[in-house]
Amino acid sequence: MSFLSSFNYWAVIILMMIGFYIIIANNNLLKKIIGINIFQTSIFIMFISMGKVVDGTAPILNEINTLYSSPLPHVLILTAIVVGISTTALGLAIIIRIHSAFGTIDDDVLKKEME
């Protein structure tokens, strides 16, 4: 398996680690939401890459094609994208409420104010 044939999986690993680092290293809640979205995008790429069948066609039965690619992973990813957008919007709305209530979106400052 060459590097180019596994490029998608390397991209998944790199994006996943970038998103995970952003979530762990930053105290800004907005940056954490961005890190979660990057992490989520890497999962989408992984599922789409795993669902691809080389030389597979759409699952339309005929005599010519014998190898089919399942559309189920792509449909599940479309649903996950909609859920991801919804949770991102909810997270951003919560961040706006936190900022209006406390005047900051920094995690450390919020912890000190809650004590």
C-alpha atoms as a PDB file:
ATOM      1  CA  MET A   1       0.000   0.000   0.000  1.00  0.00           C
ATOM      2  CA  SER A   2       1.620   3.210  -1.163  1.00  0.00           C
ATOM      3  CA  PHE A   3       1.276   6.633   0.419  1.00  0.00           C
ATOM      4  CA  LEU A   4      -1.057   7.897  -2.301  1.00  0.00           C
ATOM      5  CA  SER A   5      -3.451   4.983  -1.924  1.00  0.00           C
ATOM      6  CA  SER A   6      -3.713   5.637   1.812  1.00  0.00           C
ATOM      7  CA  PHE A   7      -3.686   9.444   1.561  1.00  0.00           C
ATOM      8  CA  ASN A   8      -7.243   9.724   2.878  1.00  0.00           C
ATOM      9  CA  TYR A   9      -6.366   7.829   6.035  1.00  0.00           C
ATOM     10  CA  TRP A  10      -3.281   9.974   6.638  1.00  0.00           C
ATOM     11  CA  ALA A  11      -5.461  13.056   6.199  1.00  0.00           C
ATOM     12  CA  VAL A  12      -7.903  11.605   8.742  1.00  0.00           C
ATOM     13  CA  ILE A  13      -5.126  11.042  11.281  1.00  0.00           C
ATOM     14  CA  ILE A  14      -3.638  14.509  10.786  1.00  0.00           C
ATOM     15  CA  LEU A  15      -6.999  16.291  10.988  1.00  0.00           C
ATOM     16  CA  MET A  16      -8.004  14.231  14.015  1.00  0.00           C
ATOM     17  CA  MET A  17      -4.828  15.117  15.886  1.00  0.00           C
ATOM     18  CA  ILE A  18      -5.116  18.814  14.941  1.00  0.00           C
ATOM     19  CA  GLY A  19      -8.711  18.916  16.188  1.00  0.00           C
ATOM     20  CA  PHE A  20      -7.842  17.034  19.360  1.00  0.00           C
ATOM     21  CA  TYR A  21      -4.910  19.366  20.059  1.00  0.00           C
ATOM     22  CA  ILE A  22      -7.115  22.430  19.605  1.00  0.00           C
ATOM     23  CA  ILE A  23      -9.680  21.023  22.026  1.00  0.00           C
ATOM     24  CA  ILE A  24      -7.075  20.183  24.683  1.00  0.00           C
ATOM     25  CA  ALA A  25      -4.680  23.128  24.356  1.00  0.00           C
ATOM     26  CA  ASN A  26      -7.063  26.091  24.166  1.00  0.00           C
ATOM     27  CA  ASN A  27      -9.116  27.643  26.933  1.00  0.00           C
ATOM     28  CA  ASN A  28     -11.218  29.729  24.553  1.00  0.00           C
ATOM     29  CA  LEU A  29     -14.637  28.111  24.112  1.00  0.00           C
ATOM     30  CA  LEU A  30     -14.958  29.288  20.511  1.00  0.00           C
ATOM     31  CA  LYS A  31     -11.653  27.646  19.606  1.00  0.00           C
ATOM     32  CA  LYS A  32     -12.859  24.441  21.278  1.00  0.00           C
ATOM     33  CA  ILE A  33     -15.930  24.448  19.009  1.00  0.00           C
ATOM     34  CA  ILE A  34     -13.645  24.880  15.987  1.00  0.00           C
ATOM     35  CA  GLY A  35     -11.493  21.963  17.200  1.00  0.00           C
ATOM     36  CA  ILE A  36     -14.567  19.776  17.610  1.00  0.00           C
ATOM     37  CA  ASN A  37     -15.627  20.613  14.056  1.00  0.00           C
ATOM     38  CA  ILE A  38     -12.193  19.718  12.666  1.00  0.00           C
ATOM     39  CA  PHE A  39     -12.258  16.437  14.596  1.00  0.00           C
ATOM     40  CA  GLN A  40     -15.762  15.739  13.298  1.00  0.00           C
ATOM     41  CA  THR A  41     -14.675  16.423   9.714  1.00  0.00           C
ATOM     42  CA  SER A  42     -11.913  13.843  10.044  1.00  0.00           C
ATOM     43  CA  ILE A  43     -14.490  11.268  11.102  1.00  0.00           C
ATOM     44  CA  PHE A  44     -16.606  12.134   8.052  1.00  0.00           C
ATOM     45  CA  ILE A  45     -13.613  11.639   5.757  1.00  0.00           C
ATOM     46  CA  MET A  46     -12.832   8.306   7.417  1.00  0.00           C
ATOM     47  CA  PHE A  47     -16.349   6.936   6.934  1.00  0.00           C
ATOM     48  CA  ILE A  48     -16.542   8.126   3.331  1.00  0.00           C
ATOM     49  CA  SER A  49     -13.111   6.613   2.580  1.00  0.00           C
ATOM     50  CA  MET A  50     -14.080   3.290   4.122  1.00  0.00           C
ATOM     51  CA  GLY A  51     -17.339   3.225   2.155  1.00  0.00           C
ATOM     52  CA  LYS A  52     -15.632   3.553  -1.224  1.00  0.00           C
ATOM     53  CA  VAL A  53     -15.273   0.338  -3.206  1.00  0.00           C
ATOM     54  CA  VAL A  54     -12.647   0.413  -5.964  1.00  0.00           C
ATOM     55  CA  ASP A  55     -14.345  -0.106  -9.345  1.00  0.00           C
ATOM     56  CA  GLY A  56     -17.700  -0.264  -7.561  1.00  0.00           C
ATOM     57  CA  THR A  57     -20.741   1.285  -9.176  1.00  0.00           C
ATOM     58  CA  ALA A  58     -24.059   2.535  -7.914  1.00  0.00           C
ATOM     59  CA  PRO A  59     -26.275  -0.312  -6.705  1.00  0.00           C
ATOM     60  CA  ILE A  60     -28.397  -0.501  -9.859  1.00  0.00           C
ATOM     61  CA  LEU A  61     -28.870  -4.123 -10.850  1.00  0.00           C
ATOM     62  CA  ASN A  62     -27.881  -5.022 -14.409  1.00  0.00           C
ATOM     63  CA  GLU A  63     -25.906  -7.682 -16.227  1.00  0.00           C
ATOM     64  CA  ILE A  64     -22.827  -5.543 -16.844  1.00  0.00           C
ATOM     65  CA  ASN A  65     -21.880  -4.523 -13.305  1.00  0.00           C
ATOM     66  CA  THR A  66     -21.193  -7.086 -10.625  1.00  0.00           C
ATOM     67  CA  LEU A  67     -19.379  -5.001  -8.009  1.00  0.00           C
ATOM     68  CA  TYR A  68     -21.476  -2.462  -6.161  1.00  0.00           C
ATOM     69  CA  SER A  69     -20.678   0.283  -3.703  1.00  0.00           C
ATOM     70  CA  SER A  70     -22.999   0.674  -0.736  1.00  0.00           C
ATOM     71  CA  PRO A  71     -24.618   4.121  -0.417  1.00  0.00           C
ATOM     72  CA  LEU A  72     -25.269   3.625   3.310  1.00  0.00           C
ATOM     73  CA  PRO A  73     -22.034   5.266   4.625  1.00  0.00           C
ATOM     74  CA  HIS A  74     -22.663   8.350   2.511  1.00  0.00           C
ATOM     75  CA  VAL A  75     -26.253   8.637   3.699  1.00  0.00           C
ATOM     76  CA  LEU A  76     -25.144   8.292   7.315  1.00  0.00           C
ATOM     77  CA  ILE A  77     -22.539  11.008   6.817  1.00  0.00           C
ATOM     78  CA  LEU A  78     -25.151  13.355   5.352  1.00  0.00           C
ATOM     79  CA  THR A  79     -27.213  12.833   8.493  1.00  0.00           C
ATOM     80  CA  ALA A  80     -24.133  13.354  10.677  1.00  0.00           C
ATOM     81  CA  ILE A  81     -23.344  16.620   8.875  1.00  0.00           C
ATOM     82  CA  VAL A  82     -26.820  17.944   9.649  1.00  0.00           C
ATOM     83  CA  VAL A  83     -26.490  16.906  13.296  1.00  0.00           C
ATOM     84  CA  GLY A  84     -23.008  18.450  13.455  1.00  0.00           C
ATOM     85  CA  ILE A  85     -24.252  21.777  12.114  1.00  0.00           C
ATOM     86  CA  SER A  86     -27.099  21.751  14.620  1.00  0.00           C
ATOM     87  CA  THR A  87     -24.856  21.013  17.583  1.00  0.00           C
ATOM     88  CA  THR A  88     -22.379  23.662  16.421  1.00  0.00           C
ATOM     89  CA  ALA A  89     -25.170  26.240  16.248  1.00  0.00           C
ATOM     90  CA  LEU A  90     -26.337  25.243  19.726  1.00  0.00           C
ATOM     91  CA  GLY A  91     -22.790  25.446  21.080  1.00  0.00           C
ATOM     92  CA  LEU A  92     -22.300  28.894  19.583  1.00  0.00           C
ATOM     93  CA  ALA A  93     -25.604  30.056  21.072  1.00  0.00           C
ATOM     94  CA  ILE A  94     -24.506  28.796  24.482  1.00  0.00           C
ATOM     95  CA  ILE A  95     -21.168  30.598  24.088  1.00  0.00           C
ATOM     96  CA  ILE A  96     -23.024  33.834  23.320  1.00  0.00           C
ATOM     97  CA  ARG A  97     -25.116  33.392  26.473  1.00  0.00           C
ATOM     98  CA  ILE A  98     -22.010  32.662  28.551  1.00  0.00           C
ATOM     99  CA  HIS A  99     -20.316  35.770  27.180  1.00  0.00           C
ATOM    100  CA  SER A 100     -23.328  37.949  27.950  1.00  0.00           C
ATOM    101  CA  ALA A 101     -23.604  36.547  31.482  1.00  0.00           C
ATOM    102  CA  PHE A 102     -19.919  36.464  32.482  1.00  0.00           C
ATOM    103  CA  GLY A 103     -18.205  38.799  30.011  1.00  0.00           C
ATOM    104  CA  THR A 104     -15.690  36.161  28.915  1.00  0.00           C
ATOM    105  CA  ILE A 105     -15.443  32.884  27.050  1.00  0.00           C
ATOM    106  CA  ASP A 106     -12.146  31.831  28.602  1.00  0.00           C
ATOM    107  CA  ASP A 107     -12.399  28.497  30.398  1.00  0.00           C
ATOM    108  CA  ASP A 108     -10.010  29.363  33.242  1.00  0.00           C
ATOM    109  CA  VAL A 109     -11.729  32.651  34.026  1.00  0.00           C
ATOM    110  CA  LEU A 110     -15.120  30.946  34.061  1.00  0.00           C
ATOM    111  CA  LYS A 111     -13.857  28.303  36.495  1.00  0.00           C
ATOM    112  CA  LYS A 112     -12.547  31.009  38.833  1.00  0.00           C
ATOM    113  CA  GLU A 113     -15.843  32.903  38.694  1.00  0.00           C
ATOM    114  CA  MET A 114     -17.853  29.771  39.436  1.00  0.00           C
ATOM    115  CA  GLU A 115     -15.896  29.066  42.629  1.00  0.00           C
END
